[in-house]
Amino acid sequence: MIIRPLKNEADYDLALERLNEIFDASANTPEGDEAELLILLIDSYENEHYAIEAPDPIEAIKIRLEEMELKQQDLVGIIGGKSRVSEVLNRKRKLTVDMIRKLTEALHLSAATLIGEYQLVK
């Protein structure tokens, strides 16, 4: 296959097909080098055309709770009492710096994720 930029869906589909054919190629072989280049091209195309936005801080917390098989009540004591946890997760109260620090440690979320902007519900 001749390596060229992926300009449309047809090019993208062909690159995926070819990568599927040579995916297990050994490193430092012509097919291995081709696979590496296709991965870079495909990744670039997907980032441009199928970008996935990072979740807002509250969604990130909810996703992590689910991943860790925790419930809302497991945050009591970490970010405050039961009503404070409810207010935060229902977007009625913003996260404070202290809450962010504690959540970063307890849920292993990056502070950068938790400091993002999000809208409160009135």
C-alpha atoms as a PDB file:
ATOM      1  CA  MET A   1       0.000   0.000   0.000  1.00  0.00           C
ATOM      2  CA  ILE A   2       1.193   3.476  -0.778  1.00  0.00           C
ATOM      3  CA  ILE A   3       1.007   5.607   2.354  1.00  0.00           C
ATOM      4  CA  ARG A   4      -0.787   8.906   1.784  1.00  0.00           C
ATOM      5  CA  PRO A   5      -2.810  11.378   3.850  1.00  0.00           C
ATOM      6  CA  LEU A   6      -6.331  10.333   4.819  1.00  0.00           C
ATOM      7  CA  LYS A   7      -8.553  12.939   3.196  1.00  0.00           C
ATOM      8  CA  ASN A   8     -11.967  11.301   3.432  1.00  0.00           C
ATOM      9  CA  GLU A   9     -13.909   8.354   4.836  1.00  0.00           C
ATOM     10  CA  ALA A  10     -12.936   6.114   1.924  1.00  0.00           C
ATOM     11  CA  ASP A  11      -9.224   6.707   2.602  1.00  0.00           C
ATOM     12  CA  TYR A  12      -9.858   6.113   6.314  1.00  0.00           C
ATOM     13  CA  ASP A  13     -11.700   2.830   5.632  1.00  0.00           C
ATOM     14  CA  LEU A  14      -8.923   1.598   3.336  1.00  0.00           C
ATOM     15  CA  ALA A  15      -6.306   2.443   5.967  1.00  0.00           C
ATOM     16  CA  LEU A  16      -8.272   0.542   8.624  1.00  0.00           C
ATOM     17  CA  GLU A  17      -8.605  -2.469   6.320  1.00  0.00           C
ATOM     18  CA  ARG A  18      -4.896  -2.490   5.554  1.00  0.00           C
ATOM     19  CA  LEU A  19      -3.962  -2.062   9.198  1.00  0.00           C
ATOM     20  CA  ASN A  20      -6.172  -5.009  10.069  1.00  0.00           C
ATOM     21  CA  GLU A  21      -4.269  -7.118   7.523  1.00  0.00           C
ATOM     22  CA  ILE A  22      -0.807  -6.235   8.824  1.00  0.00           C
ATOM     23  CA  PHE A  23      -1.515  -5.487  12.485  1.00  0.00           C
ATOM     24  CA  ASP A  24       0.608  -8.375  13.788  1.00  0.00           C
ATOM     25  CA  ALA A  25       3.583  -7.608  11.560  1.00  0.00           C
ATOM     26  CA  SER A  26       6.963  -7.782  13.262  1.00  0.00           C
ATOM     27  CA  ALA A  27       8.730  -4.569  14.188  1.00  0.00           C
ATOM     28  CA  ASN A  28      11.500  -3.313  11.895  1.00  0.00           C
ATOM     29  CA  THR A  29      10.033  -4.966   8.826  1.00  0.00           C
ATOM     30  CA  PRO A  30       8.459  -3.166   5.877  1.00  0.00           C
ATOM     31  CA  GLU A  31       4.983  -4.240   7.009  1.00  0.00           C
ATOM     32  CA  GLY A  32       5.766  -3.316  10.629  1.00  0.00           C
ATOM     33  CA  ASP A  33       6.860   0.152   9.515  1.00  0.00           C
ATOM     34  CA  GLU A  34       3.746   0.481   7.373  1.00  0.00           C
ATOM     35  CA  ALA A  35       1.565  -0.486  10.354  1.00  0.00           C
ATOM     36  CA  GLU A  36       3.220   2.181  12.518  1.00  0.00           C
ATOM     37  CA  LEU A  37       2.612   4.849   9.873  1.00  0.00           C
ATOM     38  CA  LEU A  38      -1.008   3.766   9.377  1.00  0.00           C
ATOM     39  CA  ILE A  39      -1.613   3.946  13.123  1.00  0.00           C
ATOM     40  CA  LEU A  40      -0.352   7.533  13.156  1.00  0.00           C
ATOM     41  CA  LEU A  41      -2.492   8.504  10.169  1.00  0.00           C
ATOM     42  CA  ILE A  42      -5.598   6.808  11.538  1.00  0.00           C
ATOM     43  CA  ASP A  43      -5.110   8.377  14.964  1.00  0.00           C
ATOM     44  CA  SER A  44      -4.732  11.820  13.432  1.00  0.00           C
ATOM     45  CA  TYR A  45      -7.840  11.375  11.271  1.00  0.00           C
ATOM     46  CA  GLU A  46      -9.906  10.122  14.225  1.00  0.00           C
ATOM     47  CA  ASN A  47      -8.787  12.996  16.457  1.00  0.00           C
ATOM     48  CA  GLU A  48      -9.870  15.456  13.798  1.00  0.00           C
ATOM     49  CA  HIS A  49     -13.147  13.834  12.739  1.00  0.00           C
ATOM     50  CA  TYR A  50     -14.265  11.808  15.758  1.00  0.00           C
ATOM     51  CA  ALA A  51     -12.957  13.834  18.668  1.00  0.00           C
ATOM     52  CA  ILE A  52     -14.369  12.871  22.036  1.00  0.00           C
ATOM     53  CA  GLU A  53     -14.729  15.741  24.435  1.00  0.00           C
ATOM     54  CA  ALA A  54     -13.637  15.203  28.003  1.00  0.00           C
ATOM     55  CA  PRO A  55     -16.503  15.036  30.478  1.00  0.00           C
ATOM     56  CA  ASP A  56     -17.176  18.000  32.731  1.00  0.00           C
ATOM     57  CA  PRO A  57     -16.048  17.633  36.370  1.00  0.00           C
ATOM     58  CA  ILE A  58     -19.381  16.318  37.653  1.00  0.00           C
ATOM     59  CA  GLU A  59     -19.687  13.746  34.862  1.00  0.00           C
ATOM     60  CA  ALA A  60     -16.074  12.703  35.515  1.00  0.00           C
ATOM     61  CA  ILE A  61     -16.900  12.119  39.180  1.00  0.00           C
ATOM     62  CA  LYS A  62     -20.004  10.100  38.288  1.00  0.00           C
ATOM     63  CA  ILE A  63     -18.084   8.008  35.755  1.00  0.00           C
ATOM     64  CA  ARG A  64     -15.322   7.294  38.271  1.00  0.00           C
ATOM     65  CA  LEU A  65     -17.850   6.343  40.951  1.00  0.00           C
ATOM     66  CA  GLU A  66     -19.343   3.844  38.528  1.00  0.00           C
ATOM     67  CA  GLU A  67     -15.911   2.492  37.534  1.00  0.00           C
ATOM     68  CA  MET A  68     -14.969   2.034  41.177  1.00  0.00           C
ATOM     69  CA  GLU A  69     -18.408   0.569  41.980  1.00  0.00           C
ATOM     70  CA  LEU A  70     -19.048   3.314  44.522  1.00  0.00           C
ATOM     71  CA  LYS A  71     -22.241   5.151  45.334  1.00  0.00           C
ATOM     72  CA  GLN A  72     -22.980   8.792  46.019  1.00  0.00           C
ATOM     73  CA  GLN A  73     -23.002   8.055  49.752  1.00  0.00           C
ATOM     74  CA  ASP A  74     -19.355   6.937  49.522  1.00  0.00           C
ATOM     75  CA  LEU A  75     -18.443  10.604  48.978  1.00  0.00           C
ATOM     76  CA  VAL A  76     -19.873  11.593  52.361  1.00  0.00           C
ATOM     77  CA  GLY A  77     -16.937  12.662  54.468  1.00  0.00           C
ATOM     78  CA  ILE A  78     -14.794  13.287  51.403  1.00  0.00           C
ATOM     79  CA  ILE A  79     -16.560  16.392  50.122  1.00  0.00           C
ATOM     80  CA  GLY A  80     -18.974  16.998  52.988  1.00  0.00           C
ATOM     81  CA  GLY A  81     -22.183  15.658  54.398  1.00  0.00           C
ATOM     82  CA  LYS A  82     -24.942  13.854  52.548  1.00  0.00           C
ATOM     83  CA  SER A  83     -26.702  17.068  51.499  1.00  0.00           C
ATOM     84  CA  ARG A  84     -23.442  18.663  50.282  1.00  0.00           C
ATOM     85  CA  VAL A  85     -22.633  15.614  48.160  1.00  0.00           C
ATOM     86  CA  SER A  86     -26.138  15.722  46.697  1.00  0.00           C
ATOM     87  CA  GLU A  87     -25.863  19.448  45.948  1.00  0.00           C
ATOM     88  CA  VAL A  88     -22.539  18.981  44.151  1.00  0.00           C
ATOM     89  CA  LEU A  89     -23.591  15.939  42.112  1.00  0.00           C
ATOM     90  CA  ASN A  90     -26.886  17.606  41.185  1.00  0.00           C
ATOM     91  CA  ARG A  91     -25.000  20.715  40.037  1.00  0.00           C
ATOM     92  CA  LYS A  92     -26.489  23.007  42.655  1.00  0.00           C
ATOM     93  CA  ARG A  93     -23.132  23.805  44.247  1.00  0.00           C
ATOM     94  CA  LYS A  94     -19.660  24.234  42.717  1.00  0.00           C
ATOM     95  CA  LEU A  95     -16.686  22.166  43.784  1.00  0.00           C
ATOM     96  CA  THR A  96     -14.322  23.982  46.133  1.00  0.00           C
ATOM     97  CA  VAL A  97     -10.537  23.735  46.055  1.00  0.00           C
ATOM     98  CA  ASP A  98     -10.646  21.569  49.187  1.00  0.00           C
ATOM     99  CA  MET A  99     -13.208  19.228  47.595  1.00  0.00           C
ATOM    100  CA  ILE A 100     -11.061  18.973  44.459  1.00  0.00           C
ATOM    101  CA  ARG A 101      -8.005  18.044  46.510  1.00  0.00           C
ATOM    102  CA  LYS A 102      -9.901  15.339  48.375  1.00  0.00           C
ATOM    103  CA  LEU A 103     -11.568  13.961  45.241  1.00  0.00           C
ATOM    104  CA  THR A 104      -8.227  13.871  43.444  1.00  0.00           C
ATOM    105  CA  GLU A 105      -6.852  11.644  46.166  1.00  0.00           C
ATOM    106  CA  ALA A 106      -9.943   9.519  46.808  1.00  0.00           C
ATOM    107  CA  LEU A 107     -11.013   8.923  43.206  1.00  0.00           C
ATOM    108  CA  HIS A 108      -7.616   9.218  41.512  1.00  0.00           C
ATOM    109  CA  LEU A 109      -8.915  11.899  39.161  1.00  0.00           C
ATOM    110  CA  SER A 110      -6.615  14.612  37.904  1.00  0.00           C
ATOM    111  CA  ALA A 111      -7.113  18.063  39.356  1.00  0.00           C
ATOM    112  CA  ALA A 112      -7.132  19.362  35.769  1.00  0.00           C
ATOM    113  CA  THR A 113     -10.299  17.353  35.133  1.00  0.00           C
ATOM    114  CA  LEU A 114     -11.987  18.627  38.271  1.00  0.00           C
ATOM    115  CA  ILE A 115     -11.246  22.323  37.795  1.00  0.00           C
ATOM    116  CA  GLY A 116     -13.069  22.500  34.471  1.00  0.00           C
ATOM    117  CA  GLU A 117     -16.075  24.746  34.017  1.00  0.00           C
ATOM    118  CA  TYR A 118     -19.617  23.480  34.295  1.00  0.00           C
ATOM    119  CA  GLN A 119     -23.047  25.048  34.667  1.00  0.00           C
ATOM    120  CA  LEU A 120     -25.030  25.042  37.878  1.00  0.00           C
ATOM    121  CA  VAL A 121     -28.703  24.085  37.814  1.00  0.00           C
ATOM    122  CA  LYS A 122     -30.983  26.621  39.387  1.00  0.00           C
END
